[in-house]
Amino acid sequence: MEQKIKYLIIGAVVTTTFTFLLYGLTNPPIVDYTLHCSSSFDPRYSTRLTVVLEVRNRGHIDAPLLLVLTVQNATIFPIDKPWAECTDSRIKLYVIAMKNSEQYSAYAVDIVVDSSYESFTLTYSIEKRFDPSISGVISLLFAEFHGFYPTSVTYVKDAEGRYNSQE
């Protein structure tokens, strides 16, 4: 009798694991992301440049994510939200990209530009985030990320003091 229970438990574990893996492989989160920002910026009129981080999930499972924006030769204007972790050069936004999205979700971030630099760079990336839910674990193991141009932009100062993007 003990032997039958042992085999039953092993069979249940194997079946559950196989089903979990099969579901994750056939229904992964498919995450698209892109960075939107203006083609030029003039610091004589404003020291802040607003950029928009866009993300959507075309997959069939919600995807817990970290949206990460890193800047060089500029500073990120702090966001005081519980779902944001911010330093001068990097911001991480804790979000959940909802499944089957056709529309992008947009997150605006302000960048403070120091006009003493000849250029500055913005780089947007996505990282997987652990969530103990079933969709969180499947997302952690199987999510696919597709960055759409541009995900990184460098602005270079021209002779008039205006910055122009060099994507």
C-alpha atoms as a PDB file:
ATOM      1  CA  MET A   1       0.000   0.000   0.000  1.00  0.00           C
ATOM      2  CA  GLU A   2       2.835   2.414   0.840  1.00  0.00           C
ATOM      3  CA  GLN A   3       4.438   1.709  -2.533  1.00  0.00           C
ATOM      4  CA  LYS A   4       1.200   2.656  -4.373  1.00  0.00           C
ATOM      5  CA  ILE A   5       0.926   5.949  -2.464  1.00  0.00           C
ATOM      6  CA  LYS A   6       4.559   6.754  -3.229  1.00  0.00           C
ATOM      7  CA  TYR A   7       4.001   6.128  -6.963  1.00  0.00           C
ATOM      8  CA  LEU A   8       0.768   8.136  -6.872  1.00  0.00           C
ATOM      9  CA  ILE A   9       2.546  11.120  -5.301  1.00  0.00           C
ATOM     10  CA  ILE A  10       5.436  10.893  -7.770  1.00  0.00           C
ATOM     11  CA  GLY A  11       2.976  10.656 -10.673  1.00  0.00           C
ATOM     12  CA  ALA A  12       1.059  13.711  -9.431  1.00  0.00           C
ATOM     13  CA  VAL A  13       4.263  15.756  -9.067  1.00  0.00           C
ATOM     14  CA  VAL A  14       5.518  14.747 -12.526  1.00  0.00           C
ATOM     15  CA  THR A  15       2.138  15.451 -14.144  1.00  0.00           C
ATOM     16  CA  THR A  16       1.820  18.861 -12.434  1.00  0.00           C
ATOM     17  CA  THR A  17       5.391  19.834 -13.374  1.00  0.00           C
ATOM     18  CA  PHE A  18       4.921  18.712 -16.989  1.00  0.00           C
ATOM     19  CA  THR A  19       1.609  20.618 -17.266  1.00  0.00           C
ATOM     20  CA  PHE A  20       3.197  23.752 -15.768  1.00  0.00           C
ATOM     21  CA  LEU A  21       6.152  23.633 -18.173  1.00  0.00           C
ATOM     22  CA  LEU A  22       3.981  22.868 -21.191  1.00  0.00           C
ATOM     23  CA  TYR A  23       1.628  25.762 -20.376  1.00  0.00           C
ATOM     24  CA  GLY A  24       4.564  28.140 -19.882  1.00  0.00           C
ATOM     25  CA  LEU A  25       6.244  27.104 -23.129  1.00  0.00           C
ATOM     26  CA  THR A  26       3.075  27.426 -25.209  1.00  0.00           C
ATOM     27  CA  ASN A  27       1.671  30.599 -23.568  1.00  0.00           C
ATOM     28  CA  PRO A  28       4.626  32.790 -22.567  1.00  0.00           C
ATOM     29  CA  PRO A  29       4.312  36.519 -21.939  1.00  0.00           C
ATOM     30  CA  ILE A  30       5.467  38.309 -25.095  1.00  0.00           C
ATOM     31  CA  VAL A  31       6.551  41.783 -24.032  1.00  0.00           C
ATOM     32  CA  ASP A  32       7.163  44.635 -26.484  1.00  0.00           C
ATOM     33  CA  TYR A  33       8.786  47.864 -25.349  1.00  0.00           C
ATOM     34  CA  THR A  34       9.998  51.136 -26.823  1.00  0.00           C
ATOM     35  CA  LEU A  35      11.277  54.552 -25.755  1.00  0.00           C
ATOM     36  CA  HIS A  36       9.585  57.760 -26.893  1.00  0.00           C
ATOM     37  CA  CYS A  37      11.337  61.108 -26.652  1.00  0.00           C
ATOM     38  CA  SER A  38      11.584  64.288 -28.676  1.00  0.00           C
ATOM     39  CA  SER A  39      14.056  64.550 -31.529  1.00  0.00           C
ATOM     40  CA  SER A  40      15.570  67.726 -30.087  1.00  0.00           C
ATOM     41  CA  PHE A  41      15.789  69.494 -26.764  1.00  0.00           C
ATOM     42  CA  ASP A  42      16.762  73.084 -25.968  1.00  0.00           C
ATOM     43  CA  PRO A  43      17.972  73.571 -22.371  1.00  0.00           C
ATOM     44  CA  ARG A  44      17.640  77.362 -22.714  1.00  0.00           C
ATOM     45  CA  TYR A  45      13.862  76.974 -22.392  1.00  0.00           C
ATOM     46  CA  SER A  46      13.646  74.100 -19.900  1.00  0.00           C
ATOM     47  CA  THR A  47      16.088  71.917 -18.013  1.00  0.00           C
ATOM     48  CA  ARG A  48      13.682  68.949 -18.053  1.00  0.00           C
ATOM     49  CA  LEU A  49      13.140  66.493 -20.869  1.00  0.00           C
ATOM     50  CA  THR A  50      10.143  64.160 -20.546  1.00  0.00           C
ATOM     51  CA  VAL A  51      10.598  60.669 -21.962  1.00  0.00           C
ATOM     52  CA  VAL A  52       7.953  57.954 -22.139  1.00  0.00           C
ATOM     53  CA  LEU A  53       8.609  54.281 -21.460  1.00  0.00           C
ATOM     54  CA  GLU A  54       6.070  52.133 -23.283  1.00  0.00           C
ATOM     55  CA  VAL A  55       5.363  48.456 -22.690  1.00  0.00           C
ATOM     56  CA  ARG A  56       2.719  45.919 -23.706  1.00  0.00           C
ATOM     57  CA  ASN A  57       2.239  42.187 -23.268  1.00  0.00           C
ATOM     58  CA  ARG A  58       0.825  40.271 -26.253  1.00  0.00           C
ATOM     59  CA  GLY A  59       1.110  36.948 -24.417  1.00  0.00           C
ATOM     60  CA  HIS A  60      -1.546  35.034 -22.518  1.00  0.00           C
ATOM     61  CA  ILE A  61      -0.121  35.458 -18.994  1.00  0.00           C
ATOM     62  CA  ASP A  62       0.392  38.647 -16.964  1.00  0.00           C
ATOM     63  CA  ALA A  63       4.069  39.632 -16.683  1.00  0.00           C
ATOM     64  CA  PRO A  64       5.531  41.264 -13.555  1.00  0.00           C
ATOM     65  CA  LEU A  65       8.366  43.464 -14.836  1.00  0.00           C
ATOM     66  CA  LEU A  66      10.930  46.094 -14.021  1.00  0.00           C
ATOM     67  CA  LEU A  67      11.103  48.943 -16.534  1.00  0.00           C
ATOM     68  CA  VAL A  68      14.624  50.339 -16.273  1.00  0.00           C
ATOM     69  CA  LEU A  69      15.783  53.713 -17.593  1.00  0.00           C
ATOM     70  CA  THR A  70      19.462  54.553 -17.252  1.00  0.00           C
ATOM     71  CA  VAL A  71      20.942  57.952 -18.077  1.00  0.00           C
ATOM     72  CA  GLN A  72      24.505  59.174 -18.625  1.00  0.00           C
ATOM     73  CA  ASN A  73      25.464  62.865 -18.259  1.00  0.00           C
ATOM     74  CA  ALA A  74      21.969  63.723 -17.001  1.00  0.00           C
ATOM     75  CA  THR A  75      19.898  63.174 -13.858  1.00  0.00           C
ATOM     76  CA  ILE A  76      16.559  61.473 -13.384  1.00  0.00           C
ATOM     77  CA  PHE A  77      14.009  63.681 -11.652  1.00  0.00           C
ATOM     78  CA  PRO A  78      12.921  61.676  -8.596  1.00  0.00           C
ATOM     79  CA  ILE A  79       9.524  59.964  -8.548  1.00  0.00           C
ATOM     80  CA  ASP A  80       8.061  59.463  -5.089  1.00  0.00           C
ATOM     81  CA  LYS A  81       5.873  56.418  -5.735  1.00  0.00           C
ATOM     82  CA  PRO A  82       5.902  53.031  -3.993  1.00  0.00           C
ATOM     83  CA  TRP A  83       6.343  51.265  -7.350  1.00  0.00           C
ATOM     84  CA  ALA A  84       9.466  53.254  -8.317  1.00  0.00           C
ATOM     85  CA  GLU A  85      13.057  52.909  -7.192  1.00  0.00           C
ATOM     86  CA  CYS A  86      15.092  55.924  -8.237  1.00  0.00           C
ATOM     87  CA  THR A  87      18.707  57.092  -8.145  1.00  0.00           C
ATOM     88  CA  ASP A  88      20.289  59.990 -10.025  1.00  0.00           C
ATOM     89  CA  SER A  89      21.230  57.806 -12.994  1.00  0.00           C
ATOM     90  CA  ARG A  90      18.682  54.955 -12.947  1.00  0.00           C
ATOM     91  CA  ILE A  91      15.003  54.441 -12.336  1.00  0.00           C
ATOM     92  CA  LYS A  92      13.238  51.106 -11.979  1.00  0.00           C
ATOM     93  CA  LEU A  93       9.466  50.988 -12.260  1.00  0.00           C
ATOM     94  CA  TYR A  94       7.737  47.923 -10.826  1.00  0.00           C
ATOM     95  CA  VAL A  95       4.802  47.148 -13.128  1.00  0.00           C
ATOM     96  CA  ILE A  96       2.603  44.281 -14.270  1.00  0.00           C
ATOM     97  CA  ALA A  97       2.117  44.104 -18.026  1.00  0.00           C
ATOM     98  CA  MET A  98      -1.403  42.756 -18.397  1.00  0.00           C
ATOM     99  CA  LYS A  99      -1.972  39.840 -20.770  1.00  0.00           C
ATOM    100  CA  ASN A 100      -3.436  40.159 -24.295  1.00  0.00           C
ATOM    101  CA  SER A 101      -2.710  43.898 -24.543  1.00  0.00           C
ATOM    102  CA  GLU A 102      -3.030  45.575 -27.900  1.00  0.00           C
ATOM    103  CA  GLN A 103      -2.317  49.040 -26.505  1.00  0.00           C
ATOM    104  CA  TYR A 104       0.945  50.114 -24.914  1.00  0.00           C
ATOM    105  CA  SER A 105       0.998  51.283 -21.294  1.00  0.00           C
ATOM    106  CA  ALA A 106       2.987  54.508 -20.981  1.00  0.00           C
ATOM    107  CA  TYR A 107       5.105  55.750 -18.080  1.00  0.00           C
ATOM    108  CA  ALA A 108       6.506  59.296 -18.198  1.00  0.00           C
ATOM    109  CA  VAL A 109       9.877  60.076 -16.631  1.00  0.00           C
ATOM    110  CA  ASP A 110      11.486  63.518 -16.411  1.00  0.00           C
ATOM    111  CA  ILE A 111      15.193  63.893 -17.093  1.00  0.00           C
ATOM    112  CA  VAL A 112      17.119  66.923 -15.806  1.00  0.00           C
ATOM    113  CA  VAL A 113      19.727  67.900 -18.377  1.00  0.00           C
ATOM    114  CA  ASP A 114      23.022  69.490 -17.373  1.00  0.00           C
ATOM    115  CA  SER A 115      23.944  71.714 -20.322  1.00  0.00           C
ATOM    116  CA  SER A 116      27.653  71.608 -19.418  1.00  0.00           C
ATOM    117  CA  TYR A 117      27.874  68.201 -21.136  1.00  0.00           C
ATOM    118  CA  GLU A 118      28.251  67.882 -24.897  1.00  0.00           C
ATOM    119  CA  SER A 119      25.990  64.814 -24.966  1.00  0.00           C
ATOM    120  CA  PHE A 120      23.773  62.613 -22.828  1.00  0.00           C
ATOM    121  CA  THR A 121      22.373  59.116 -23.303  1.00  0.00           C
ATOM    122  CA  LEU A 122      19.096  57.429 -22.344  1.00  0.00           C
ATOM    123  CA  THR A 123      18.861  53.621 -22.309  1.00  0.00           C
ATOM    124  CA  TYR A 124      15.608  51.723 -21.706  1.00  0.00           C
ATOM    125  CA  SER A 125      15.503  48.027 -20.851  1.00  0.00           C
ATOM    126  CA  ILE A 126      13.182  45.467 -19.272  1.00  0.00           C
ATOM    127  CA  GLU A 127      14.052  43.024 -16.501  1.00  0.00           C
ATOM    128  CA  LYS A 128      12.128  40.067 -15.176  1.00  0.00           C
ATOM    129  CA  ARG A 129      10.751  40.494 -11.676  1.00  0.00           C
ATOM    130  CA  PHE A 130       9.997  37.657  -9.279  1.00  0.00           C
ATOM    131  CA  ASP A 131       6.378  37.345  -8.208  1.00  0.00           C
ATOM    132  CA  PRO A 132       5.279  34.261  -6.217  1.00  0.00           C
ATOM    133  CA  SER A 133       2.054  33.850  -8.220  1.00  0.00           C
ATOM    134  CA  ILE A 134       1.705  31.166 -10.900  1.00  0.00           C
ATOM    135  CA  SER A 135       1.743  33.758 -13.694  1.00  0.00           C
ATOM    136  CA  GLY A 136       4.757  35.396 -12.024  1.00  0.00           C
ATOM    137  CA  VAL A 137       6.756  32.173 -12.003  1.00  0.00           C
ATOM    138  CA  ILE A 138       5.783  31.335 -15.605  1.00  0.00           C
ATOM    139  CA  SER A 139       6.737  34.870 -16.623  1.00  0.00           C
ATOM    140  CA  LEU A 140      10.073  34.595 -14.827  1.00  0.00           C
ATOM    141  CA  LEU A 141      10.892  31.370 -16.659  1.00  0.00           C
ATOM    142  CA  PHE A 142       9.419  31.910 -20.126  1.00  0.00           C
ATOM    143  CA  ALA A 143       8.852  35.630 -20.878  1.00  0.00           C
ATOM    144  CA  GLU A 144      10.099  36.936 -24.230  1.00  0.00           C
ATOM    145  CA  PHE A 145      11.212  40.574 -24.580  1.00  0.00           C
ATOM    146  CA  HIS A 146      11.169  42.469 -27.882  1.00  0.00           C
ATOM    147  CA  GLY A 147      12.683  45.943 -27.831  1.00  0.00           C
ATOM    148  CA  PHE A 148      11.471  48.127 -30.679  1.00  0.00           C
ATOM    149  CA  TYR A 149      13.612  50.914 -32.038  1.00  0.00           C
ATOM    150  CA  PRO A 150      14.623  53.038 -30.285  1.00  0.00           C
ATOM    151  CA  THR A 151      15.499  51.666 -26.863  1.00  0.00           C
ATOM    152  CA  SER A 152      18.574  53.867 -26.526  1.00  0.00           C
ATOM    153  CA  VAL A 153      18.999  57.491 -27.600  1.00  0.00           C
ATOM    154  CA  THR A 154      22.034  59.768 -27.429  1.00  0.00           C
ATOM    155  CA  TYR A 155      21.560  63.518 -27.634  1.00  0.00           C
ATOM    156  CA  VAL A 156      24.449  65.612 -28.949  1.00  0.00           C
ATOM    157  CA  LYS A 157      24.752  69.369 -28.463  1.00  0.00           C
ATOM    158  CA  ASP A 158      24.933  71.467 -31.638  1.00  0.00           C
ATOM    159  CA  ALA A 159      26.628  74.864 -32.113  1.00  0.00           C
ATOM    160  CA  GLU A 160      23.499  76.707 -30.942  1.00  0.00           C
ATOM    161  CA  GLY A 161      23.365  74.793 -27.640  1.00  0.00           C
ATOM    162  CA  ARG A 162      20.394  72.614 -28.602  1.00  0.00           C
ATOM    163  CA  TYR A 163      20.576  68.837 -28.185  1.00  0.00           C
ATOM    164  CA  ASN A 164      19.575  66.621 -31.130  1.00  0.00           C
ATOM    165  CA  SER A 165      18.922  62.895 -30.899  1.00  0.00           C
ATOM    166  CA  GLN A 166      21.305  60.497 -32.600  1.00  0.00           C
ATOM    167  CA  GLU A 167      19.328  57.241 -32.440  1.00  0.00           C
END
